[in-house]
Amino acid sequence: MPRFTFDRPTDFVDAAREMADSGRPTLARLLAEEAADRTPDPDAAARILAEFSGRSLRQED
């Protein structure tokens, strides 16, 4: 079984695209949010989130 590592924001974006392509938009959005959180450039983070529409389902304290 392949082992996946998520070390960079692009890893999360790639996974988000795969989830979106396979009909899993909620998971795609969550992965995109994680990518945006790990992206130091606010403009790039905004572009990531814009690519994966929908509202956040995160539950934060």
N, C-alpha and C. Protein backbone atom coordinates (compact mmCIF):
# COMPACT_ATOMS: atom_id res chain seq x y z
N MET A 1 0.85 -1.18 0.00
CA MET A 1 0.00 0.00 0.00
C MET A 1 0.90 1.24 0.00
N PRO A 2 0.63 2.18 -0.88
CA PRO A 2 1.46 3.39 -0.92
C PRO A 2 1.28 4.21 0.34
N ARG A 3 2.34 4.86 0.73
CA ARG A 3 2.30 5.72 1.90
C ARG A 3 2.39 7.16 1.42
N PHE A 4 1.46 7.97 1.86
CA PHE A 4 1.42 9.36 1.44
C PHE A 4 1.92 10.24 2.56
N THR A 5 2.68 11.24 2.18
CA THR A 5 3.12 12.22 3.17
C THR A 5 2.60 13.59 2.76
N PHE A 6 2.25 14.34 3.74
CA PHE A 6 1.75 15.69 3.53
C PHE A 6 2.69 16.63 4.27
N ASP A 7 3.71 17.09 3.56
CA ASP A 7 4.71 17.95 4.17
C ASP A 7 4.59 19.40 3.70
N ARG A 8 3.93 19.60 2.58
CA ARG A 8 3.86 20.94 1.99
C ARG A 8 2.42 21.30 1.67
N PRO A 9 2.13 22.58 1.60
CA PRO A 9 0.77 22.98 1.21
C PRO A 9 0.34 22.38 -0.12
N THR A 10 1.28 22.25 -1.05
CA THR A 10 0.92 21.70 -2.36
C THR A 10 0.47 20.25 -2.26
N ASP A 11 0.97 19.51 -1.27
CA ASP A 11 0.50 18.14 -1.06
C ASP A 11 -0.99 18.14 -0.73
N PHE A 12 -1.40 19.08 0.11
CA PHE A 12 -2.81 19.18 0.48
C PHE A 12 -3.67 19.65 -0.70
N VAL A 13 -3.14 20.58 -1.48
CA VAL A 13 -3.88 21.05 -2.65
C VAL A 13 -4.05 19.92 -3.66
N ASP A 14 -3.00 19.16 -3.90
CA ASP A 14 -3.10 18.03 -4.83
C ASP A 14 -4.15 17.03 -4.36
N ALA A 15 -4.14 16.73 -3.07
CA ALA A 15 -5.13 15.80 -2.52
C ALA A 15 -6.53 16.39 -2.62
N ALA A 16 -6.66 17.69 -2.40
CA ALA A 16 -7.96 18.35 -2.51
C ALA A 16 -8.49 18.24 -3.93
N ARG A 17 -7.63 18.42 -4.90
CA ARG A 17 -8.06 18.29 -6.30
C ARG A 17 -8.51 16.87 -6.61
N GLU A 18 -7.79 15.89 -6.09
CA GLU A 18 -8.18 14.50 -6.30
C GLU A 18 -9.55 14.23 -5.68
N MET A 19 -9.78 14.75 -4.49
CA MET A 19 -11.08 14.55 -3.84
C MET A 19 -12.20 15.24 -4.61
N ALA A 20 -11.93 16.43 -5.09
CA ALA A 20 -12.94 17.15 -5.88
C ALA A 20 -13.26 16.38 -7.15
N ASP A 21 -12.23 15.87 -7.81
CA ASP A 21 -12.42 15.12 -9.05
C ASP A 21 -13.19 13.82 -8.83
N SER A 22 -13.08 13.27 -7.62
CA SER A 22 -13.76 12.01 -7.34
C SER A 22 -15.11 12.21 -6.65
N GLY A 23 -15.59 13.46 -6.65
CA GLY A 23 -16.92 13.73 -6.13
C GLY A 23 -17.00 13.85 -4.62
N ARG A 24 -15.93 14.27 -3.99
CA ARG A 24 -15.91 14.44 -2.54
C ARG A 24 -15.62 15.91 -2.20
N PRO A 25 -16.56 16.80 -2.47
CA PRO A 25 -16.29 18.23 -2.30
C PRO A 25 -16.04 18.67 -0.85
N THR A 26 -16.67 18.01 0.10
CA THR A 26 -16.45 18.40 1.50
C THR A 26 -15.03 18.08 1.93
N LEU A 27 -14.57 16.91 1.61
CA LEU A 27 -13.19 16.55 1.94
C LEU A 27 -12.22 17.43 1.18
N ALA A 28 -12.53 17.75 -0.06
CA ALA A 28 -11.68 18.64 -0.84
C ALA A 28 -11.56 19.99 -0.15
N ARG A 29 -12.67 20.52 0.33
CA ARG A 29 -12.66 21.83 1.01
C ARG A 29 -11.81 21.77 2.28
N LEU A 30 -11.96 20.71 3.06
CA LEU A 30 -11.17 20.58 4.29
C LEU A 30 -9.68 20.50 4.00
N LEU A 31 -9.31 19.76 2.97
CA LEU A 31 -7.90 19.69 2.58
C LEU A 31 -7.40 21.04 2.08
N ALA A 32 -8.23 21.75 1.34
CA ALA A 32 -7.85 23.08 0.86
C ALA A 32 -7.67 24.05 2.03
N GLU A 33 -8.52 23.95 3.03
CA GLU A 33 -8.37 24.81 4.20
C GLU A 33 -7.06 24.53 4.93
N GLU A 34 -6.70 23.27 5.01
CA GLU A 34 -5.42 22.92 5.65
C GLU A 34 -4.26 23.46 4.82
N ALA A 35 -4.36 23.36 3.51
CA ALA A 35 -3.32 23.92 2.65
C ALA A 35 -3.21 25.42 2.84
N ALA A 36 -4.34 26.09 2.90
CA ALA A 36 -4.33 27.54 3.10
C ALA A 36 -3.72 27.91 4.44
N ASP A 37 -4.03 27.14 5.47
CA ASP A 37 -3.45 27.40 6.79
C ASP A 37 -1.94 27.27 6.79
N ARG A 38 -1.43 26.38 5.97
CA ARG A 38 0.02 26.13 5.92
C ARG A 38 0.74 27.01 4.92
N THR A 39 0.01 27.85 4.22
CA THR A 39 0.60 28.73 3.21
C THR A 39 0.93 30.08 3.84
N PRO A 40 2.19 30.49 3.81
CA PRO A 40 2.56 31.75 4.47
C PRO A 40 2.05 33.00 3.74
N ASP A 41 1.81 32.91 2.45
CA ASP A 41 1.38 34.07 1.67
C ASP A 41 -0.15 34.17 1.71
N PRO A 42 -0.70 35.23 2.31
CA PRO A 42 -2.16 35.35 2.41
C PRO A 42 -2.87 35.38 1.05
N ASP A 43 -2.25 35.95 0.04
CA ASP A 43 -2.87 35.98 -1.28
C ASP A 43 -2.95 34.57 -1.88
N ALA A 44 -1.89 33.80 -1.70
CA ALA A 44 -1.90 32.42 -2.20
C ALA A 44 -2.92 31.59 -1.43
N ALA A 45 -3.02 31.81 -0.14
CA ALA A 45 -4.01 31.09 0.67
C ALA A 45 -5.43 31.41 0.20
N ALA A 46 -5.68 32.66 -0.12
CA ALA A 46 -7.01 33.06 -0.61
C ALA A 46 -7.30 32.41 -1.96
N ARG A 47 -6.30 32.29 -2.81
CA ARG A 47 -6.50 31.64 -4.11
C ARG A 47 -6.83 30.15 -3.93
N ILE A 48 -6.17 29.52 -2.98
CA ILE A 48 -6.44 28.10 -2.72
C ILE A 48 -7.90 27.93 -2.29
N LEU A 49 -8.34 28.75 -1.35
CA LEU A 49 -9.72 28.63 -0.87
C LEU A 49 -10.73 28.96 -1.95
N ALA A 50 -10.39 29.90 -2.82
CA ALA A 50 -11.30 30.28 -3.90
C ALA A 50 -11.49 29.13 -4.90
N GLU A 51 -10.47 28.32 -5.04
CA GLU A 51 -10.56 27.19 -5.98
C GLU A 51 -11.54 26.12 -5.49
N PHE A 52 -11.71 26.04 -4.18
CA PHE A 52 -12.58 25.02 -3.59
C PHE A 52 -13.69 25.72 -2.82
N SER A 53 -14.77 25.96 -3.53
CA SER A 53 -15.86 26.74 -2.93
C SER A 53 -16.57 25.94 -1.85
N GLY A 54 -17.35 26.65 -1.10
CA GLY A 54 -18.11 26.04 -0.03
C GLY A 54 -17.74 26.67 1.30
N ARG A 55 -18.59 26.41 2.26
CA ARG A 55 -18.31 26.98 3.57
C ARG A 55 -17.48 26.01 4.38
N SER A 56 -16.82 26.53 5.36
CA SER A 56 -16.00 25.70 6.23
C SER A 56 -16.88 24.85 7.14
N LEU A 57 -16.48 23.64 7.34
CA LEU A 57 -17.16 22.75 8.25
C LEU A 57 -16.33 22.49 9.50
N ARG A 58 -15.25 23.22 9.65
CA ARG A 58 -14.39 23.05 10.80
C ARG A 58 -15.11 23.45 12.07
N GLN A 59 -14.80 22.73 13.10
CA GLN A 59 -15.30 23.06 14.42
C GLN A 59 -14.11 23.49 15.26
N GLU A 60 -14.04 24.77 15.52
CA GLU A 60 -12.91 25.29 16.27
C GLU A 60 -13.39 25.81 17.61
N ASP A 61 -12.51 25.70 18.58
CA ASP A 61 -12.83 26.17 19.93
C ASP A 61 -12.80 27.67 20.03
